[in-house]
Amino acid sequence: MTRRSVEIRRWSIWAVHRRIRGWLGSATWRVARFRTAHGLLTLLARAMAQADAWLARLGTLSAAFLAVSGERPLRS
């Protein structure tokens, strides 16, 4: 079985359509945030830094490890 991932870009037709629906009043899409891949990595890095600082206050006997993996299909 081959696993395939799909990236929805910030300015894809799908994202633009949902963004317009939000502007026109859809409560669901009004609060949606469409982020770039770089924006998601930045958000993840900030969250991990905050979690690391919080866990450090608990003492030296605890540790946390978070692994994130992703694949991008090769383009032919």
N, C-alpha and C. Protein backbone atom coordinates (compact mmCIF):
# COMPACT_ATOMS: atom_id res chain seq x y z
N MET A 1 0.84 -1.17 0.00
CA MET A 1 0.00 0.00 0.00
C MET A 1 0.89 1.24 0.00
N THR A 2 0.64 2.15 -0.90
CA THR A 2 1.41 3.38 -1.00
C THR A 2 0.66 4.50 -0.30
N ARG A 3 1.36 5.20 0.57
CA ARG A 3 0.76 6.32 1.27
C ARG A 3 1.04 7.58 0.47
N ARG A 4 0.02 8.38 0.28
CA ARG A 4 0.17 9.59 -0.52
C ARG A 4 -0.32 10.78 0.29
N SER A 5 0.44 11.85 0.28
CA SER A 5 0.01 13.05 0.98
C SER A 5 -0.31 14.14 -0.03
N VAL A 6 -1.20 15.01 0.36
CA VAL A 6 -1.60 16.11 -0.50
C VAL A 6 -1.44 17.41 0.28
N GLU A 7 -0.82 18.34 -0.34
CA GLU A 7 -0.63 19.65 0.29
C GLU A 7 -1.62 20.63 -0.31
N ILE A 8 -2.39 21.28 0.55
CA ILE A 8 -3.32 22.30 0.09
C ILE A 8 -2.64 23.64 0.29
N ARG A 9 -2.32 24.28 -0.76
CA ARG A 9 -1.60 25.54 -0.69
C ARG A 9 -2.52 26.67 -0.24
N ARG A 10 -1.90 27.70 0.35
CA ARG A 10 -2.63 28.83 0.90
C ARG A 10 -3.51 29.51 -0.15
N TRP A 11 -3.02 29.61 -1.36
CA TRP A 11 -3.79 30.29 -2.41
C TRP A 11 -4.32 29.31 -3.45
N SER A 12 -4.59 28.08 -3.06
CA SER A 12 -5.21 27.13 -3.99
C SER A 12 -6.66 27.55 -4.22
N ILE A 13 -7.27 27.01 -5.25
CA ILE A 13 -8.67 27.33 -5.53
C ILE A 13 -9.54 26.95 -4.35
N TRP A 14 -9.26 25.79 -3.73
CA TRP A 14 -10.04 25.34 -2.58
C TRP A 14 -9.95 26.34 -1.44
N ALA A 15 -8.73 26.79 -1.10
CA ALA A 15 -8.54 27.72 0.01
C ALA A 15 -9.18 29.08 -0.29
N VAL A 16 -9.02 29.56 -1.51
CA VAL A 16 -9.62 30.85 -1.88
C VAL A 16 -11.14 30.76 -1.80
N HIS A 17 -11.72 29.66 -2.27
CA HIS A 17 -13.16 29.47 -2.22
C HIS A 17 -13.65 29.52 -0.76
N ARG A 18 -12.96 28.81 0.13
CA ARG A 18 -13.36 28.80 1.54
C ARG A 18 -13.19 30.17 2.17
N ARG A 19 -12.11 30.88 1.80
CA ARG A 19 -11.88 32.22 2.34
C ARG A 19 -13.01 33.17 1.93
N ILE A 20 -13.42 33.09 0.68
CA ILE A 20 -14.53 33.94 0.19
C ILE A 20 -15.82 33.59 0.92
N ARG A 21 -16.07 32.31 1.15
CA ARG A 21 -17.26 31.92 1.91
C ARG A 21 -17.25 32.53 3.30
N GLY A 22 -16.07 32.61 3.91
CA GLY A 22 -15.94 33.25 5.22
C GLY A 22 -16.26 34.72 5.16
N TRP A 23 -15.78 35.41 4.12
CA TRP A 23 -16.06 36.84 3.97
C TRP A 23 -17.55 37.08 3.76
N LEU A 24 -18.22 36.11 3.14
CA LEU A 24 -19.65 36.26 2.86
C LEU A 24 -20.53 35.82 4.03
N GLY A 25 -19.92 35.38 5.13
CA GLY A 25 -20.71 35.11 6.32
C GLY A 25 -20.70 33.71 6.89
N SER A 26 -20.05 32.76 6.23
CA SER A 26 -20.01 31.40 6.77
C SER A 26 -19.20 31.40 8.07
N ALA A 27 -19.85 31.04 9.18
CA ALA A 27 -19.19 31.08 10.48
C ALA A 27 -17.99 30.14 10.54
N THR A 28 -18.11 28.99 9.92
CA THR A 28 -17.01 28.02 9.93
C THR A 28 -15.76 28.58 9.26
N TRP A 29 -15.91 29.14 8.08
CA TRP A 29 -14.76 29.60 7.31
C TRP A 29 -14.31 31.00 7.70
N ARG A 30 -15.13 31.75 8.42
CA ARG A 30 -14.75 33.08 8.86
C ARG A 30 -13.57 33.02 9.83
N VAL A 31 -13.53 31.99 10.67
CA VAL A 31 -12.47 31.88 11.66
C VAL A 31 -11.31 30.97 11.20
N ALA A 32 -11.41 30.40 10.00
CA ALA A 32 -10.36 29.50 9.50
C ALA A 32 -9.09 30.30 9.19
N ARG A 33 -7.96 29.65 9.38
CA ARG A 33 -6.66 30.25 9.06
C ARG A 33 -5.97 29.34 8.06
N PHE A 34 -5.57 29.89 6.95
CA PHE A 34 -4.87 29.14 5.92
C PHE A 34 -3.40 29.52 6.01
N ARG A 35 -2.55 28.55 6.27
CA ARG A 35 -1.13 28.81 6.52
C ARG A 35 -0.26 28.17 5.45
N THR A 36 0.89 28.76 5.25
CA THR A 36 1.88 28.18 4.34
C THR A 36 2.61 27.07 5.08
N ALA A 37 3.37 26.26 4.34
CA ALA A 37 4.16 25.21 4.97
C ALA A 37 5.18 25.84 5.93
N HIS A 38 5.79 26.94 5.52
CA HIS A 38 6.75 27.62 6.39
C HIS A 38 6.05 28.14 7.64
N GLY A 39 4.84 28.68 7.49
CA GLY A 39 4.08 29.17 8.64
C GLY A 39 3.75 28.06 9.62
N LEU A 40 3.43 26.87 9.11
CA LEU A 40 3.14 25.73 9.98
C LEU A 40 4.38 25.28 10.74
N LEU A 41 5.53 25.27 10.06
CA LEU A 41 6.77 24.91 10.74
C LEU A 41 7.11 25.91 11.84
N THR A 42 6.91 27.19 11.57
CA THR A 42 7.16 28.22 12.58
C THR A 42 6.23 28.03 13.77
N LEU A 43 4.96 27.77 13.51
CA LEU A 43 3.98 27.55 14.57
C LEU A 43 4.36 26.33 15.41
N LEU A 44 4.79 25.26 14.75
CA LEU A 44 5.21 24.05 15.46
C LEU A 44 6.44 24.33 16.32
N ALA A 45 7.40 25.06 15.77
CA ALA A 45 8.62 25.37 16.53
C ALA A 45 8.29 26.18 17.77
N ARG A 46 7.39 27.15 17.65
CA ARG A 46 6.99 27.96 18.82
C ARG A 46 6.31 27.09 19.87
N ALA A 47 5.42 26.21 19.43
CA ALA A 47 4.70 25.34 20.37
C ALA A 47 5.67 24.41 21.09
N MET A 48 6.65 23.89 20.36
CA MET A 48 7.62 22.99 20.97
C MET A 48 8.51 23.75 21.96
N ALA A 49 8.87 24.98 21.65
CA ALA A 49 9.69 25.78 22.56
C ALA A 49 8.92 26.07 23.85
N GLN A 50 7.63 26.38 23.73
CA GLN A 50 6.81 26.64 24.91
C GLN A 50 6.67 25.37 25.75
N ALA A 51 6.44 24.24 25.10
CA ALA A 51 6.30 22.98 25.82
C ALA A 51 7.61 22.62 26.52
N ASP A 52 8.73 22.87 25.86
CA ASP A 52 10.03 22.57 26.44
C ASP A 52 10.28 23.43 27.69
N ALA A 53 9.94 24.72 27.60
CA ALA A 53 10.12 25.61 28.75
C ALA A 53 9.23 25.17 29.92
N TRP A 54 7.99 24.78 29.62
CA TRP A 54 7.06 24.34 30.66
C TRP A 54 7.56 23.06 31.32
N LEU A 55 8.01 22.10 30.51
CA LEU A 55 8.49 20.83 31.04
C LEU A 55 9.78 21.01 31.85
N ALA A 56 10.61 21.97 31.48
CA ALA A 56 11.85 22.22 32.21
C ALA A 56 11.57 22.66 33.65
N ARG A 57 10.45 23.33 33.86
CA ARG A 57 10.09 23.78 35.22
C ARG A 57 9.70 22.61 36.11
N LEU A 58 9.33 21.48 35.53
CA LEU A 58 8.91 20.33 36.32
C LEU A 58 10.09 19.62 36.99
N GLY A 59 11.27 19.84 36.49
CA GLY A 59 12.44 19.21 37.07
C GLY A 59 13.23 18.44 36.04
N THR A 60 14.31 17.86 36.48
CA THR A 60 15.20 17.17 35.56
C THR A 60 14.84 15.70 35.37
N LEU A 61 13.87 15.20 36.11
CA LEU A 61 13.52 13.80 35.99
C LEU A 61 12.50 13.53 34.88
N SER A 62 11.96 14.57 34.30
CA SER A 62 10.97 14.38 33.25
C SER A 62 11.55 14.81 31.91
N ALA A 63 11.00 14.26 30.88
CA ALA A 63 11.45 14.60 29.54
C ALA A 63 10.28 14.43 28.58
N ALA A 64 10.36 15.12 27.50
CA ALA A 64 9.33 15.00 26.46
C ALA A 64 10.01 14.89 25.11
N PHE A 65 9.41 14.15 24.24
CA PHE A 65 9.96 13.99 22.90
C PHE A 65 8.79 14.00 21.94
N LEU A 66 8.89 14.82 20.93
CA LEU A 66 7.84 14.92 19.92
C LEU A 66 8.50 14.75 18.57
N ALA A 67 8.02 13.80 17.80
CA ALA A 67 8.57 13.57 16.46
C ALA A 67 7.50 13.89 15.43
N VAL A 68 7.87 14.63 14.43
CA VAL A 68 6.96 14.99 13.35
C VAL A 68 7.60 14.54 12.06
N SER A 69 6.83 13.85 11.24
CA SER A 69 7.35 13.33 10.00
C SER A 69 6.40 13.69 8.87
N GLY A 70 6.95 13.90 7.72
CA GLY A 70 6.11 14.19 6.57
C GLY A 70 6.81 13.72 5.31
N GLU A 71 6.02 13.46 4.31
CA GLU A 71 6.54 13.04 3.02
C GLU A 71 5.96 13.94 1.96
N ARG A 72 6.75 14.22 0.97
CA ARG A 72 6.26 15.00 -0.16
C ARG A 72 6.50 14.14 -1.40
N PRO A 73 5.47 13.91 -2.18
CA PRO A 73 5.65 13.05 -3.36
C PRO A 73 6.62 13.66 -4.35
N LEU A 74 7.39 12.80 -5.00
CA LEU A 74 8.31 13.28 -6.03
C LEU A 74 7.53 13.71 -7.25
N ARG A 75 7.94 14.80 -7.81
CA ARG A 75 7.26 15.28 -9.04
C ARG A 75 8.01 14.80 -10.25
N SER A 76 7.27 14.33 -11.20
CA SER A 76 7.94 13.81 -12.40
C SER A 76 7.98 14.84 -13.50
